[in-house]
Amino acid sequence: MTSRTGESLRRTEAEIAAEKAATLGRAGEHLEEALRLARVALARLDAADGADERRQRLADYERARARAAQERLVLIIQREAVGLRQHRVVDLQFPEPPRRA
């Protein structure tokens, strides 16, 4: 391999690594936003007045929880793609919103 080819390969590998890191960062940001929205929906649920409003707020909260679960899965997949196989830190940093009935 020539030095020019080697340098080109190193640049390409660095670009791939940077894109993987950026994608992982975006996945984390999307999960943070989904969890924030779930917290907002939970607060609205807790403040609901009356059975009808509570049912609607519960449905809103369940949709927000489902979105957070989906964003968490995306983050796990991105972590796997960069070689991170242990996800306990995800559980600690991004706890799942509690179930409500």
Protein backbone atom coordinates (compact mmCIF):
# COMPACT_ATOMS: atom_id res chain seq x y z
CA MET A 1 0.00 0.00 0.00
CA THR A 2 1.38 3.39 -0.90
CA SER A 3 1.55 6.18 1.66
CA ARG A 4 -1.09 8.06 -0.31
CA THR A 5 -3.44 5.07 -0.21
CA GLY A 6 -2.72 4.56 3.50
CA GLU A 7 -3.51 8.19 4.26
CA SER A 8 -6.73 7.98 2.26
CA LEU A 9 -7.73 4.85 4.18
CA ARG A 10 -7.00 6.54 7.52
CA ARG A 11 -9.09 9.56 6.56
CA THR A 12 -11.97 7.33 5.49
CA GLU A 13 -11.79 5.32 8.73
CA ALA A 14 -11.70 8.54 10.77
CA GLU A 15 -14.72 9.86 8.88
CA ILE A 16 -16.64 6.63 9.53
CA ALA A 17 -15.76 6.74 13.23
CA ALA A 18 -16.87 10.37 13.45
CA GLU A 19 -20.19 9.59 11.76
CA LYS A 20 -20.79 6.65 14.11
CA ALA A 21 -20.14 8.91 17.10
CA ALA A 22 -22.44 11.61 15.73
CA THR A 23 -25.21 9.09 15.09
CA LEU A 24 -24.81 7.71 18.61
CA GLY A 25 -25.01 11.24 20.01
CA ARG A 26 -28.17 12.01 18.05
CA ALA A 27 -29.78 8.79 19.28
CA GLY A 28 -29.03 9.84 22.86
CA GLU A 29 -30.48 13.29 22.26
CA HIS A 30 -33.65 11.81 20.76
CA LEU A 31 -34.05 9.53 23.77
CA GLU A 32 -33.53 12.45 26.16
CA GLU A 33 -36.26 14.41 24.36
CA ALA A 34 -38.65 11.43 24.37
CA LEU A 35 -38.08 10.98 28.11
CA ARG A 36 -38.67 14.70 28.70
CA LEU A 37 -41.97 14.48 26.84
CA ALA A 38 -42.93 11.41 28.88
CA ARG A 39 -42.25 13.36 32.09
CA VAL A 40 -44.46 16.20 30.84
CA ALA A 41 -47.22 13.74 29.92
CA LEU A 42 -46.94 12.10 33.35
CA ALA A 43 -47.27 15.45 35.09
CA ARG A 44 -50.38 16.20 33.03
CA LEU A 45 -51.76 12.78 33.90
CA ASP A 46 -51.16 13.37 37.60
CA ALA A 47 -52.92 16.75 37.34
CA ALA A 48 -55.92 15.38 35.41
CA ASP A 49 -59.31 16.25 36.84
CA GLY A 50 -62.08 13.78 36.16
CA ALA A 51 -62.30 10.34 34.62
CA ASP A 52 -62.53 11.46 30.97
CA GLU A 53 -59.55 13.77 31.22
CA ARG A 54 -57.60 11.09 33.07
CA ARG A 55 -58.32 8.53 30.33
CA GLN A 56 -57.11 10.94 27.66
CA ARG A 57 -54.00 11.90 29.62
CA LEU A 58 -53.24 8.23 30.29
CA ALA A 59 -53.44 7.51 26.55
CA ASP A 60 -51.11 10.47 25.89
CA TYR A 61 -48.69 9.19 28.50
CA GLU A 62 -48.71 5.66 27.08
CA ARG A 63 -47.89 7.06 23.63
CA ALA A 64 -45.02 9.05 25.14
CA ARG A 65 -43.77 5.93 26.97
CA ALA A 66 -43.91 3.94 23.73
CA ARG A 67 -41.91 6.62 21.92
CA ALA A 68 -39.30 6.61 24.69
CA ALA A 69 -39.06 2.81 24.43
CA GLN A 70 -38.55 3.08 20.66
CA GLU A 71 -35.87 5.76 21.04
CA ARG A 72 -34.16 3.62 23.69
CA LEU A 73 -34.07 0.71 21.24
CA VAL A 74 -32.53 2.95 18.59
CA LEU A 75 -29.84 4.02 21.07
CA ILE A 76 -29.11 0.38 21.97
CA ILE A 77 -28.81 -0.52 18.28
CA GLN A 78 -26.43 2.40 17.68
CA ARG A 79 -24.34 1.37 20.70
CA GLU A 80 -24.15 -2.18 19.33
CA ALA A 81 -23.08 -0.80 15.94
CA VAL A 82 -20.04 0.89 17.51
CA GLY A 83 -19.12 -2.16 19.54
CA LEU A 84 -20.65 -1.28 22.91
CA ARG A 85 -22.28 -4.47 24.17
CA GLN A 86 -23.04 -3.62 27.81
CA HIS A 87 -26.05 -1.35 28.19
CA ARG A 88 -26.37 -1.03 31.95
CA VAL A 89 -25.24 2.59 31.69
CA VAL A 90 -28.25 3.25 29.43
CA ASP A 91 -30.55 1.83 32.09
CA LEU A 92 -28.92 4.02 34.74
CA GLN A 93 -28.74 7.23 32.71
CA PHE A 94 -32.09 6.88 30.93
CA PRO A 95 -34.52 5.06 33.26
CA GLU A 96 -37.74 3.83 31.70
CA PRO A 97 -40.81 5.93 32.56
CA PRO A 98 -43.01 4.14 35.11
CA ARG A 99 -46.17 2.33 34.12
CA ARG A 100 -49.45 3.94 35.15
CA ALA A 101 -52.97 2.57 35.12
